Each structure stands twice: as structure tokens, then as C-alpha cells.
Protein backbone atom coordinates (compact mmCIF):
# COMPACT_ATOMS: atom_id res chain seq x y z
CA MET A 1 -28.22 -30.37 77.26
CA SER A 2 -26.81 -32.03 80.37
CA GLU A 3 -24.38 -30.25 82.67
CA SER A 4 -21.54 -32.48 81.51
CA GLY A 5 -22.44 -31.72 77.90
CA MET A 6 -22.45 -27.98 78.56
CA LEU A 7 -19.13 -28.25 80.40
CA ALA A 8 -17.57 -30.23 77.56
CA SER A 9 -18.85 -27.67 75.06
CA ALA A 10 -17.43 -24.79 77.12
CA VAL A 11 -14.06 -26.51 77.51
CA PHE A 12 -13.92 -27.19 73.78
CA GLY A 13 -14.75 -23.56 73.04
CA ILE A 14 -12.05 -22.29 75.37
CA GLY A 15 -9.53 -24.73 73.91
CA ALA A 16 -10.39 -23.67 70.36
CA HIS A 17 -10.05 -20.00 71.33
CA LEU A 18 -6.63 -20.56 72.94
CA PHE A 19 -5.45 -22.59 69.94
CA HIS A 20 -6.57 -19.83 67.56
CA ASN A 21 -4.75 -17.18 69.62
CA ARG A 22 -1.58 -19.26 69.72
CA MET A 23 -1.65 -19.87 65.98
CA GLN A 24 -2.19 -16.17 65.33
CA GLN A 25 0.82 -15.36 67.53
CA VAL A 26 2.99 -17.89 65.67
CA ARG A 27 1.88 -16.45 62.31
CA THR A 28 2.68 -12.91 63.45
CA ASP A 29 6.07 -13.91 64.85
CA PHE A 30 7.02 -15.76 61.63
CA GLN A 31 6.08 -12.71 59.58
CA GLN A 32 8.22 -10.52 61.81
CA LEU A 33 11.10 -12.99 61.54
CA GLY A 34 10.84 -12.86 57.74
CA GLN A 35 10.83 -9.07 57.73
CA ASP A 36 13.85 -8.91 60.02
CA LEU A 37 15.75 -11.44 57.90
CA GLN A 38 14.94 -9.54 54.70
CA SER A 39 16.10 -6.27 56.21
CA GLY A 40 19.32 -7.87 57.46
CA ASN A 41 18.52 -7.23 61.13
CA LEU A 42 20.13 -10.36 62.54
CA SER A 43 19.77 -9.50 66.23
CA ALA A 44 16.04 -8.88 65.83
CA ALA A 45 15.69 -12.09 63.80
CA GLN A 46 17.43 -14.02 66.56
CA ALA A 47 15.05 -12.51 69.12
CA ASP A 48 12.07 -13.40 66.91
CA PHE A 49 13.32 -16.95 66.62
CA ALA A 50 13.77 -17.23 70.39
CA THR A 51 10.14 -16.18 70.79
CA LEU A 52 9.05 -18.79 68.25
CA GLN A 53 11.02 -21.46 70.08
CA GLN A 54 9.02 -20.71 73.22
CA LEU A 55 5.78 -21.17 71.27
CA GLN A 56 6.88 -24.43 69.67
CA PRO A 57 4.98 -27.37 71.09
CA GLY A 58 6.99 -30.07 72.82
CA THR A 59 7.95 -32.99 70.68
CA SER A 60 6.54 -36.35 71.55
CA SER A 61 8.60 -39.52 71.29
CA THR A 62 5.53 -41.28 69.87
CA SER A 63 5.04 -38.67 67.16
CA SER A 64 6.82 -39.82 64.05
CA THR A 65 4.84 -38.26 61.22
CA GLN A 66 6.79 -37.05 58.21
CA SER A 67 5.47 -33.48 58.44
CA THR A 68 6.46 -33.14 62.10
CA SER A 69 9.89 -34.55 61.35
CA THR A 70 10.39 -32.16 58.43
CA LEU A 71 9.18 -29.19 60.46
CA THR A 72 11.51 -30.10 63.31
CA GLN A 73 14.45 -30.45 60.92
CA ASP A 74 13.65 -27.09 59.31
CA PHE A 75 13.29 -25.43 62.70
CA ASN A 76 16.62 -26.89 63.83
CA GLN A 77 18.30 -25.70 60.63
CA LEU A 78 16.93 -22.21 61.14
CA ALA A 79 18.30 -22.23 64.69
CA ALA A 80 21.72 -23.23 63.41
CA ASP A 81 21.64 -20.59 60.69
CA LEU A 82 20.71 -17.82 63.09
């Protein structure tokens, strides 16, 4: 394999690892948010949501898929509710 091929493979591997870690963190934070909401701990739920907001990827003006739009609307509604 060429050096550029090995570099590309390494970069892809690192990117995949970082993506996996980020998704695991989001999953964990959503679970914690759900637990705090179910227990009625509003201040902890608000803190959980603030953490999730920091993990939310930036929205792109060129991204107009239905799922992204729905997710954004749901996220905004959750922010308003909390």
C-alpha cells in the first residue's frame, strides 16, 4: 500500500473512532436525560440537555433533508419545554 493509501486509511480509522465515541456520548446523555425527566429532576434534565446541545452538530444551510428538519424541530421543542 502506498504512503498516501496508508495515511488515508489511518485518517479514516481515526475519524470512525471519534464518530463512534461521539455517538456513544450522545446515547449516554440522552439516556440520562430520559432518566432525569422520568424522575422529575428538572434541573438535572436541563443540564443534560445543555450538554446535548454542545454535542449537536452545526446545521448547514444546504442541508434540507426531512429527517434533519424533524430532528431539529424536535430538539428545539425539547429546549422550549425544558
